[in-house]
C-alpha atoms as a PDB file:
ATOM      1  CA  MET A   1     137.811 123.129  88.589  1.00  0.00           C
ATOM      2  CA  ASP A   2     134.802 120.836  88.147  1.00  0.00           C
ATOM      3  CA  HIS A   3     134.061 118.020  90.553  1.00  0.00           C
ATOM      4  CA  GLN A   4     131.668 115.160  89.854  1.00  0.00           C
ATOM      5  CA  LEU A   5     129.715 112.425  91.531  1.00  0.00           C
ATOM      6  CA  ARG A   6     127.384 109.609  90.463  1.00  0.00           C
ATOM      7  CA  VAL A   7     124.838 108.770  93.152  1.00  0.00           C
ATOM      8  CA  MET A   8     122.251 106.008  93.454  1.00  0.00           C
ATOM      9  CA  THR A   9     119.400 105.354  95.839  1.00  0.00           C
ATOM     10  CA  TRP A  10     117.741 101.938  95.909  1.00  0.00           C
ATOM     11  CA  ASN A  11     115.342  99.997  98.115  1.00  0.00           C
ATOM     12  CA  ILE A  12     116.658  96.428  97.784  1.00  0.00           C
ATOM     13  CA  TRP A  13     113.693  94.635  99.406  1.00  0.00           C
ATOM     14  CA  TRP A  14     115.376  93.004 102.433  1.00  0.00           C
ATOM     15  CA  ARG A  15     114.627  89.250 102.471  1.00  0.00           C
ATOM     16  CA  PHE A  16     111.039  89.753 101.381  1.00  0.00           C
ATOM     17  CA  GLY A  17     109.393  88.109  98.401  1.00  0.00           C
ATOM     18  CA  PRO A  18     110.094  84.752  96.801  1.00  0.00           C
ATOM     19  CA  ARG A  19     113.642  83.504  96.203  1.00  0.00           C
ATOM     20  CA  TRP A  20     115.449  86.393  97.887  1.00  0.00           C
ATOM     21  CA  ARG A  21     118.815  84.647  97.470  1.00  0.00           C
ATOM     22  CA  GLU A  22     118.361  84.555  93.685  1.00  0.00           C
ATOM     23  CA  ARG A  23     117.974  88.348  93.677  1.00  0.00           C
ATOM     24  CA  GLN A  24     121.375  89.067  95.194  1.00  0.00           C
ATOM     25  CA  PRO A  25     123.462  88.582  92.019  1.00  0.00           C
ATOM     26  CA  GLY A  26     121.125  90.982  90.204  1.00  0.00           C
ATOM     27  CA  ILE A  27     121.648  93.661  92.846  1.00  0.00           C
ATOM     28  CA  LEU A  28     125.398  93.295  92.488  1.00  0.00           C
ATOM     29  CA  GLU A  29     125.252  93.253  88.683  1.00  0.00           C
ATOM     30  CA  THR A  30     123.085  96.389  88.587  1.00  0.00           C
ATOM     31  CA  VAL A  31     125.470  98.334  90.809  1.00  0.00           C
ATOM     32  CA  ARG A  32     128.427  97.180  88.722  1.00  0.00           C
ATOM     33  CA  ARG A  33     126.656  98.236  85.530  1.00  0.00           C
ATOM     34  CA  PHE A  34     125.950 101.778  86.730  1.00  0.00           C
ATOM     35  CA  THR A  35     129.161 102.263  88.782  1.00  0.00           C
ATOM     36  CA  PRO A  36     127.818 104.818  91.289  1.00  0.00           C
ATOM     37  CA  ASP A  37     130.292 106.523  93.603  1.00  0.00           C
ATOM     38  CA  VAL A  38     127.847 106.748  96.522  1.00  0.00           C
ATOM     39  CA  ILE A  39     124.820 104.508  97.094  1.00  0.00           C
ATOM     40  CA  ALA A  40     122.006 104.938  99.612  1.00  0.00           C
ATOM     41  CA  LEU A  41     120.299 101.604 100.275  1.00  0.00           C
ATOM     42  CA  GLN A  42     117.029 100.875 102.055  1.00  0.00           C
ATOM     43  CA  GLU A  43     115.522  97.585 103.293  1.00  0.00           C
ATOM     44  CA  VAL A  44     119.008  96.217 103.895  1.00  0.00           C
ATOM     45  CA  TRP A  45     119.408  93.061 105.959  1.00  0.00           C
ATOM     46  CA  GLY A  46     121.779  92.656 108.883  1.00  0.00           C
ATOM     47  CA  THR A  47     122.719  89.688 111.059  1.00  0.00           C
ATOM     48  CA  ASP A  48     125.205  89.008 113.845  1.00  0.00           C
ATOM     49  CA  ALA A  49     127.594  87.748 111.168  1.00  0.00           C
ATOM     50  CA  GLY A  50     127.443  90.880 109.004  1.00  0.00           C
ATOM     51  CA  THR A  51     125.201  92.916 106.756  1.00  0.00           C
ATOM     52  CA  GLN A  52     124.110  92.957 103.145  1.00  0.00           C
ATOM     53  CA  ALA A  53     125.907  96.293 102.797  1.00  0.00           C
ATOM     54  CA  ASP A  54     129.165  94.695 103.953  1.00  0.00           C
ATOM     55  CA  GLU A  55     128.779  91.866 101.438  1.00  0.00           C
ATOM     56  CA  LEU A  56     128.121  94.279  98.590  1.00  0.00           C
ATOM     57  CA  ALA A  57     131.011  96.524  99.633  1.00  0.00           C
ATOM     58  CA  ASP A  58     133.414  93.574  99.805  1.00  0.00           C
ATOM     59  CA  ALA A  59     132.397  92.426  96.322  1.00  0.00           C
ATOM     60  CA  LEU A  60     132.619  95.925  94.842  1.00  0.00           C
ATOM     61  CA  GLY A  61     135.653  97.264  96.677  1.00  0.00           C
ATOM     62  CA  LEU A  62     133.620  99.962  98.439  1.00  0.00           C
ATOM     63  CA  HIS A  63     133.226 101.266 101.985  1.00  0.00           C
ATOM     64  CA  ALA A  64     129.975 100.585 103.888  1.00  0.00           C
ATOM     65  CA  VAL A  65     128.024 101.628 106.968  1.00  0.00           C
ATOM     66  CA  PHE A  66     124.689 100.257 108.201  1.00  0.00           C
ATOM     67  CA  ALA A  67     122.077 101.514 110.664  1.00  0.00           C
ATOM     68  CA  ALA A  68     118.833 100.011 111.998  1.00  0.00           C
ATOM     69  CA  PRO A  69     115.919  99.862 112.510  1.00  0.00           C
ATOM     70  CA  SER A  70     114.141 101.240 109.490  1.00  0.00           C
ATOM     71  CA  TYR A  71     110.879 100.814 107.619  1.00  0.00           C
ATOM     72  CA  PRO A  72     109.163  98.439 107.397  1.00  0.00           C
ATOM     73  CA  THR A  73     109.804  96.522 110.572  1.00  0.00           C
ATOM     74  CA  ALA A  74     111.086  92.981 110.128  1.00  0.00           C
ATOM     75  CA  PRO A  75     108.210  90.479 110.496  1.00  0.00           C
ATOM     76  CA  GLU A  76     107.432  89.484 114.088  1.00  0.00           C
ATOM     77  CA  SER A  77     106.506  86.058 112.739  1.00  0.00           C
ATOM     78  CA  PRO A  78     109.151  85.232 110.130  1.00  0.00           C
ATOM     79  CA  GLU A  79     107.782  84.030 106.801  1.00  0.00           C
ATOM     80  CA  ASN A  80     110.746  81.654 106.419  1.00  0.00           C
ATOM     81  CA  PRO A  81     113.826  80.605 108.442  1.00  0.00           C
ATOM     82  CA  ASP A  82     116.038  83.069 106.525  1.00  0.00           C
ATOM     83  CA  GLN A  83     114.185  85.959 108.195  1.00  0.00           C
ATOM     84  CA  GLU A  84     114.629  84.737 111.766  1.00  0.00           C
ATOM     85  CA  GLY A  85     116.599  87.230 113.872  1.00  0.00           C
ATOM     86  CA  VAL A  86     117.498  89.441 110.905  1.00  0.00           C
ATOM     87  CA  GLU A  87     117.521  93.245 111.207  1.00  0.00           C
ATOM     88  CA  LEU A  88     116.150  95.622 108.596  1.00  0.00           C
ATOM     89  CA  GLY A  89     117.981  98.913 108.123  1.00  0.00           C
ATOM     90  CA  VAL A  90     119.479 101.507 105.815  1.00  0.00           C
ATOM     91  CA  ALA A  91     123.035 101.713 104.534  1.00  0.00           C
ATOM     92  CA  LEU A  92     125.540 103.747 102.583  1.00  0.00           C
ATOM     93  CA  LEU A  93     128.183 102.457 100.201  1.00  0.00           C
ATOM     94  CA  SER A  94     130.963 104.739  99.025  1.00  0.00           C
ATOM     95  CA  ARG A  95     133.949 104.682  96.712  1.00  0.00           C
ATOM     96  CA  TRP A  96     135.761 106.854  99.273  1.00  0.00           C
ATOM     97  CA  PRO A  97     136.164 106.374 103.033  1.00  0.00           C
ATOM     98  CA  ILE A  98     133.196 107.214 105.254  1.00  0.00           C
ATOM     99  CA  THR A  99     134.834 109.344 107.919  1.00  0.00           C
ATOM    100  CA  GLN A 100     131.860 109.924 110.224  1.00  0.00           C
ATOM    101  CA  TYR A 101     128.383 108.505 110.612  1.00  0.00           C
ATOM    102  CA  GLU A 102     125.544 108.346 113.104  1.00  0.00           C
ATOM    103  CA  ALA A 103     122.028 106.948 113.309  1.00  0.00           C
ATOM    104  CA  ILE A 104     119.538 109.682 114.195  1.00  0.00           C
ATOM    105  CA  PRO A 105     116.057 108.663 115.433  1.00  0.00           C
ATOM    106  CA  MET A 106     113.180 110.048 113.379  1.00  0.00           C
ATOM    107  CA  PRO A 107     109.829 111.244 114.781  1.00  0.00           C
ATOM    108  CA  SER A 108     107.491 108.257 115.018  1.00  0.00           C
ATOM    109  CA  ARG A 109     104.329 108.627 117.091  1.00  0.00           C
ATOM    110  CA  HIS A 110     102.679 105.543 115.629  1.00  0.00           C
ATOM    111  CA  ARG A 111     105.432 102.940 115.988  1.00  0.00           C
ATOM    112  CA  ALA A 112     106.734 101.154 119.063  1.00  0.00           C
ATOM    113  CA  TRP A 113     110.304 101.398 117.764  1.00  0.00           C
ATOM    114  CA  ASP A 114     112.505 104.280 116.594  1.00  0.00           C
ATOM    115  CA  PRO A 115     113.309 104.319 112.855  1.00  0.00           C
ATOM    116  CA  VAL A 116     116.576 106.067 112.034  1.00  0.00           C
ATOM    117  CA  VAL A 117     118.108 108.226 109.347  1.00  0.00           C
ATOM    118  CA  LEU A 118     121.765 107.512 108.566  1.00  0.00           C
ATOM    119  CA  LYS A 119     123.852 110.699 108.547  1.00  0.00           C
ATOM    120  CA  ALA A 120     127.380 110.400 107.175  1.00  0.00           C
ATOM    121  CA  THR A 121     130.368 112.324 105.895  1.00  0.00           C
ATOM    122  CA  ILE A 122     132.313 110.909 102.949  1.00  0.00           C
ATOM    123  CA  ASP A 123     135.910 111.803 102.068  1.00  0.00           C
ATOM    124  CA  HIS A 124     135.247 112.978  98.487  1.00  0.00           C
ATOM    125  CA  PRO A 125     138.341 114.244  96.608  1.00  0.00           C
ATOM    126  CA  ALA A 126     136.873 117.775  96.712  1.00  0.00           C
ATOM    127  CA  GLY A 127     136.366 117.630 100.488  1.00  0.00           C
ATOM    128  CA  PRO A 128     133.778 116.418 103.011  1.00  0.00           C
ATOM    129  CA  LEU A 129     130.571 115.198 101.330  1.00  0.00           C
ATOM    130  CA  PRO A 130     127.496 115.214 103.641  1.00  0.00           C
ATOM    131  CA  VAL A 131     124.978 112.443 102.905  1.00  0.00           C
ATOM    132  CA  LEU A 132     121.686 111.381 104.469  1.00  0.00           C
ATOM    133  CA  ALA A 133     120.111 107.983 103.752  1.00  0.00           C
ATOM    134  CA  ALA A 134     116.581 107.274 104.929  1.00  0.00           C
ATOM    135  CA  CYS A 135     113.352 105.406 104.434  1.00  0.00           C
ATOM    136  CA  LEU A 136     110.275 107.325 105.563  1.00  0.00           C
ATOM    137  CA  GLU A 137     107.005 106.041 107.030  1.00  0.00           C
ATOM    138  CA  HIS A 138     105.087 104.038 104.432  1.00  0.00           C
ATOM    139  CA  ALA A 139     101.609 104.072 106.011  1.00  0.00           C
ATOM    140  CA  THR A 140      99.818 106.886 104.225  1.00  0.00           C
ATOM    141  CA  THR A 141      97.382 107.177 107.146  1.00  0.00           C
ATOM    142  CA  TYR A 142     100.263 108.335 109.379  1.00  0.00           C
ATOM    143  CA  SER A 143     100.681 111.637 107.567  1.00  0.00           C
ATOM    144  CA  ASP A 144     101.845 113.391 110.739  1.00  0.00           C
ATOM    145  CA  ASP A 145     104.885 111.122 111.012  1.00  0.00           C
ATOM    146  CA  ARG A 146     105.581 111.339 107.288  1.00  0.00           C
ATOM    147  CA  LEU A 147     105.611 115.145 107.373  1.00  0.00           C
ATOM    148  CA  ALA A 148     107.671 115.279 110.564  1.00  0.00           C
ATOM    149  CA  GLN A 149     110.253 112.897 109.133  1.00  0.00           C
ATOM    150  CA  ALA A 150     110.528 114.875 105.896  1.00  0.00           C
ATOM    151  CA  ALA A 151     110.981 118.035 107.969  1.00  0.00           C
ATOM    152  CA  LEU A 152     113.783 116.370 109.951  1.00  0.00           C
ATOM    153  CA  LEU A 153     115.549 115.384 106.723  1.00  0.00           C
ATOM    154  CA  ALA A 154     115.232 118.941 105.445  1.00  0.00           C
ATOM    155  CA  ASP A 155     116.621 120.293 108.716  1.00  0.00           C
ATOM    156  CA  LEU A 156     119.592 117.922 108.703  1.00  0.00           C
ATOM    157  CA  ALA A 157     120.338 118.590 105.028  1.00  0.00           C
ATOM    158  CA  THR A 158     120.436 122.341 105.576  1.00  0.00           C
ATOM    159  CA  ASP A 159     122.523 122.315 108.748  1.00  0.00           C
ATOM    160  CA  PRO A 160     125.076 125.139 108.268  1.00  0.00           C
ATOM    161  CA  SER A 161     127.756 122.973 109.877  1.00  0.00           C
ATOM    162  CA  THR A 162     127.712 120.805 106.717  1.00  0.00           C
ATOM    163  CA  ASP A 163     128.414 123.756 104.396  1.00  0.00           C
ATOM    164  CA  GLY A 164     131.600 123.207 102.437  1.00  0.00           C
ATOM    165  CA  PRO A 165     133.166 122.216  99.139  1.00  0.00           C
ATOM    166  CA  CYS A 166     130.591 119.557  98.237  1.00  0.00           C
ATOM    167  CA  PRO A 167     126.798 119.546  97.860  1.00  0.00           C
ATOM    168  CA  SER A 168     124.676 118.077 100.655  1.00  0.00           C
ATOM    169  CA  LEU A 169     122.641 115.003  99.671  1.00  0.00           C
ATOM    170  CA  ALA A 170     119.421 113.532 101.086  1.00  0.00           C
ATOM    171  CA  MET A 171     118.479 110.231  99.465  1.00  0.00           C
ATOM    172  CA  GLY A 172     116.159 107.332  99.980  1.00  0.00           C
ATOM    173  CA  ASP A 173     112.826 105.625  99.678  1.00  0.00           C
ATOM    174  CA  LEU A 174     110.724 108.543 100.904  1.00  0.00           C
ATOM    175  CA  ASN A 175     107.421 106.748 100.326  1.00  0.00           C
ATOM    176  CA  ALA A 176     105.858 109.789  98.690  1.00  0.00           C
ATOM    177  CA  ALA A 177     105.436 110.910  95.096  1.00  0.00           C
ATOM    178  CA  ALA A 178     107.432 113.881  93.893  1.00  0.00           C
ATOM    179  CA  ASP A 179     104.486 116.299  94.133  1.00  0.00           C
ATOM    180  CA  SER A 180     103.178 114.951  97.457  1.00  0.00           C
ATOM    181  CA  ALA A 181     102.541 117.359 100.321  1.00  0.00           C
ATOM    182  CA  VAL A 182     104.702 115.014 102.410  1.00  0.00           C
ATOM    183  CA  LEU A 183     107.811 116.179 100.559  1.00  0.00           C
ATOM    184  CA  ARG A 184     107.018 119.878 100.744  1.00  0.00           C
ATOM    185  CA  PRO A 185     109.579 120.489 103.554  1.00  0.00           C
ATOM    186  CA  LEU A 186     112.270 119.025 101.293  1.00  0.00           C
ATOM    187  CA  ARG A 187     111.162 120.773  98.117  1.00  0.00           C
ATOM    188  CA  GLU A 188     111.200 124.130  99.884  1.00  0.00           C
ATOM    189  CA  VAL A 189     114.909 123.985 100.752  1.00  0.00           C
ATOM    190  CA  LEU A 190     116.446 121.319  98.488  1.00  0.00           C
ATOM    191  CA  ILE A 191     116.524 120.529  94.780  1.00  0.00           C
ATOM    192  CA  ASP A 192     115.036 117.364  93.293  1.00  0.00           C
ATOM    193  CA  ALA A 193     117.925 115.928  91.267  1.00  0.00           C
ATOM    194  CA  TRP A 194     115.551 113.992  89.023  1.00  0.00           C
ATOM    195  CA  ILE A 195     113.824 117.148  87.849  1.00  0.00           C
ATOM    196  CA  ALA A 196     117.082 119.110  87.647  1.00  0.00           C
ATOM    197  CA  GLY A 197     118.573 116.345  85.510  1.00  0.00           C
ATOM    198  CA  GLY A 198     115.681 116.296  83.046  1.00  0.00           C
ATOM    199  CA  GLY A 199     114.313 112.946  84.193  1.00  0.00           C
ATOM    200  CA  ALA A 200     111.051 111.774  82.667  1.00  0.00           C
ATOM    201  CA  GLU A 201     107.970 113.234  84.355  1.00  0.00           C
ATOM    202  CA  ASP A 202     106.218 109.848  84.301  1.00  0.00           C
ATOM    203  CA  ALA A 203     109.122 107.888  85.827  1.00  0.00           C
ATOM    204  CA  VAL A 204     108.090 105.141  88.276  1.00  0.00           C
ATOM    205  CA  THR A 205     110.162 103.470  90.988  1.00  0.00           C
ATOM    206  CA  LEU A 206     107.463 101.231  92.538  1.00  0.00           C
ATOM    207  CA  PRO A 207     105.839  99.671  89.471  1.00  0.00           C
ATOM    208  CA  SER A 208     102.620  97.675  89.551  1.00  0.00           C
ATOM    209  CA  SER A 209     104.089  95.516  86.775  1.00  0.00           C
ATOM    210  CA  HIS A 210     106.445  93.778  89.232  1.00  0.00           C
ATOM    211  CA  PRO A 211     105.276  90.193  89.934  1.00  0.00           C
ATOM    212  CA  SER A 212     105.190  90.917  93.681  1.00  0.00           C
ATOM    213  CA  ALA A 213     104.111  94.557  93.539  1.00  0.00           C
ATOM    214  CA  PRO A 214     102.618  95.731  96.860  1.00  0.00           C
ATOM    215  CA  LEU A 215      99.334  96.807  95.311  1.00  0.00           C
ATOM    216  CA  GLU A 216      97.813  97.164  98.768  1.00  0.00           C
ATOM    217  CA  ALA A 217      99.998 100.278  99.215  1.00  0.00           C
ATOM    218  CA  GLY A 218      97.547 102.117  96.960  1.00  0.00           C
ATOM    219  CA  PRO A 219      97.890 104.717  94.212  1.00  0.00           C
ATOM    220  CA  GLU A 220      99.766 107.216  96.401  1.00  0.00           C
ATOM    221  CA  LEU A 221     102.786 104.910  96.254  1.00  0.00           C
ATOM    222  CA  VAL A 222     102.322 102.333  93.489  1.00  0.00           C
ATOM    223  CA  ASP A 223     103.216 103.481  89.962  1.00  0.00           C
ATOM    224  CA  GLN A 224     104.828 106.608  91.396  1.00  0.00           C
ATOM    225  CA  ARG A 225     108.379 107.907  91.731  1.00  0.00           C
ATOM    226  CA  ILE A 226     108.764 107.503  95.495  1.00  0.00           C
ATOM    227  CA  ASP A 227     112.561 107.050  95.621  1.00  0.00           C
ATOM    228  CA  HIS A 228     114.407 110.350  95.555  1.00  0.00           C
ATOM    229  CA  ILE A 229     117.723 112.175  95.455  1.00  0.00           C
ATOM    230  CA  PHE A 230     117.612 115.733  96.841  1.00  0.00           C
ATOM    231  CA  TYR A 231     120.566 118.087  97.136  1.00  0.00           C
ATOM    232  CA  ARG A 232     121.648 121.637  97.846  1.00  0.00           C
ATOM    233  CA  PRO A 233     124.898 123.436  96.971  1.00  0.00           C
ATOM    234  CA  GLY A 234     127.572 123.404  99.649  1.00  0.00           C
ATOM    235  CA  HIS A 235     127.679 127.210  99.727  1.00  0.00           C
ATOM    236  CA  GLU A 236     126.062 130.170  97.995  1.00  0.00           C
ATOM    237  CA  ASP A 237     128.751 130.505  95.311  1.00  0.00           C
ATOM    238  CA  GLN A 238     128.678 126.860  94.255  1.00  0.00           C
ATOM    239  CA  LEU A 239     127.027 125.928  90.962  1.00  0.00           C
ATOM    240  CA  VAL A 240     125.690 122.357  90.789  1.00  0.00           C
ATOM    241  CA  ASN A 241     124.489 120.772  87.545  1.00  0.00           C
ATOM    242  CA  VAL A 242     122.692 117.442  87.306  1.00  0.00           C
ATOM    243  CA  GLU A 243     123.899 116.015  84.017  1.00  0.00           C
ATOM    244  CA  SER A 244     121.722 112.905  83.888  1.00  0.00           C
ATOM    245  CA  ALA A 245     118.892 111.173  85.718  1.00  0.00           C
ATOM    246  CA  MET A 246     118.289 107.468  85.116  1.00  0.00           C
ATOM    247  CA  ILE A 247     116.194 104.568  86.379  1.00  0.00           C
ATOM    248  CA  ALA A 248     118.007 101.283  87.109  1.00  0.00           C
ATOM    249  CA  GLY A 249     116.982  97.852  88.343  1.00  0.00           C
ATOM    250  CA  ASP A 250     115.664  95.939  85.337  1.00  0.00           C
ATOM    251  CA  ALA A 251     115.476  92.160  85.526  1.00  0.00           C
ATOM    252  CA  VAL A 252     118.813  90.327  85.424  1.00  0.00           C
ATOM    253  CA  ASP A 253     118.615  86.837  83.900  1.00  0.00           C
ATOM    254  CA  GLY A 254     114.849  87.018  84.246  1.00  0.00           C
ATOM    255  CA  VAL A 255     114.854  87.962  87.955  1.00  0.00           C
ATOM    256  CA  PHE A 256     114.057  91.459  89.226  1.00  0.00           C
ATOM    257  CA  PRO A 257     116.630  92.410  91.893  1.00  0.00           C
ATOM    258  CA  SER A 258     113.983  94.319  93.871  1.00  0.00           C
ATOM    259  CA  ASP A 259     110.364  95.393  93.746  1.00  0.00           C
ATOM    260  CA  HIS A 260     111.679  98.976  93.555  1.00  0.00           C
ATOM    261  CA  ARG A 261     113.691 100.584  90.790  1.00  0.00           C
ATOM    262  CA  ALA A 262     116.800 102.582  91.623  1.00  0.00           C
ATOM    263  CA  VAL A 263     117.406 106.248  90.844  1.00  0.00           C
ATOM    264  CA  VAL A 264     120.834 107.251  89.494  1.00  0.00           C
ATOM    265  CA  CYS A 265     121.991 110.838  88.966  1.00  0.00           C
ATOM    266  CA  ASP A 266     125.243 112.439  87.821  1.00  0.00           C
ATOM    267  CA  LEU A 267     126.205 115.687  89.577  1.00  0.00           C
ATOM    268  CA  ARG A 268     128.929 118.125  88.555  1.00  0.00           C
ATOM    269  CA  TRP A 269     129.826 121.294  90.422  1.00  0.00           C
ATOM    270  CA  HIS A 270     132.275 124.162  90.663  1.00  0.00           C
ATOM    271  CA  ASP A 271     132.621 127.497  92.404  1.00  0.00           C
ATOM    272  CA  ARG A 272     131.702 130.710  90.617  1.00  0.00           C
END
């Protein structure tokens, strides 16, 4: 019997940039258009009253969990009142209940705070689905932290305790191009769903064409595919096919929902 799953990862740009409120309908519309089953979100806002993930889940009829802090840190001096006292984190949305989750601190020698990876188990119809959602260090000068964080993701994604009837997923804004040395720990033990699904080699998820593109991030990040979906089969006799790999996040009513584009992949699997 075949099982299937549509997954999305998307950095939704917190409350940065101009007119952040006008971007929210576009985020919702994009998710509705692509109907992913599981979504890893980065740069998600959270307040004492609730989180962006909760709002999206309520509107879409999904389940949500949120964890903070993540990259980049929220501004110490808010750029506008809407940023005052607002957390910045990562989140997961799921069509099915999220049965377990925890926030695991990542190695971070160069920050005064502990960024986290969100580790969760989702109640997929085939059985427990292990998912990791993360945003890695964005400062290319901190290559030691970037490599250590990628190694942690690889270690968590290959934990034998997560073996089972579903593939293991590691998704997020990894702030590194597909061929970067930073991602070598992941490439050595996991499969890049974009490549497996025949995605375009020149695909970009942080385009310089965006009106507010962070050009100061430099060519290692800008005009590169830095948002990724990695996976591995749940056991040695499981065959996983990636049937499609797509970019999402075009402008909605003339407004780009984020400065990043989303990655969407369709997975199908069965036992031998």
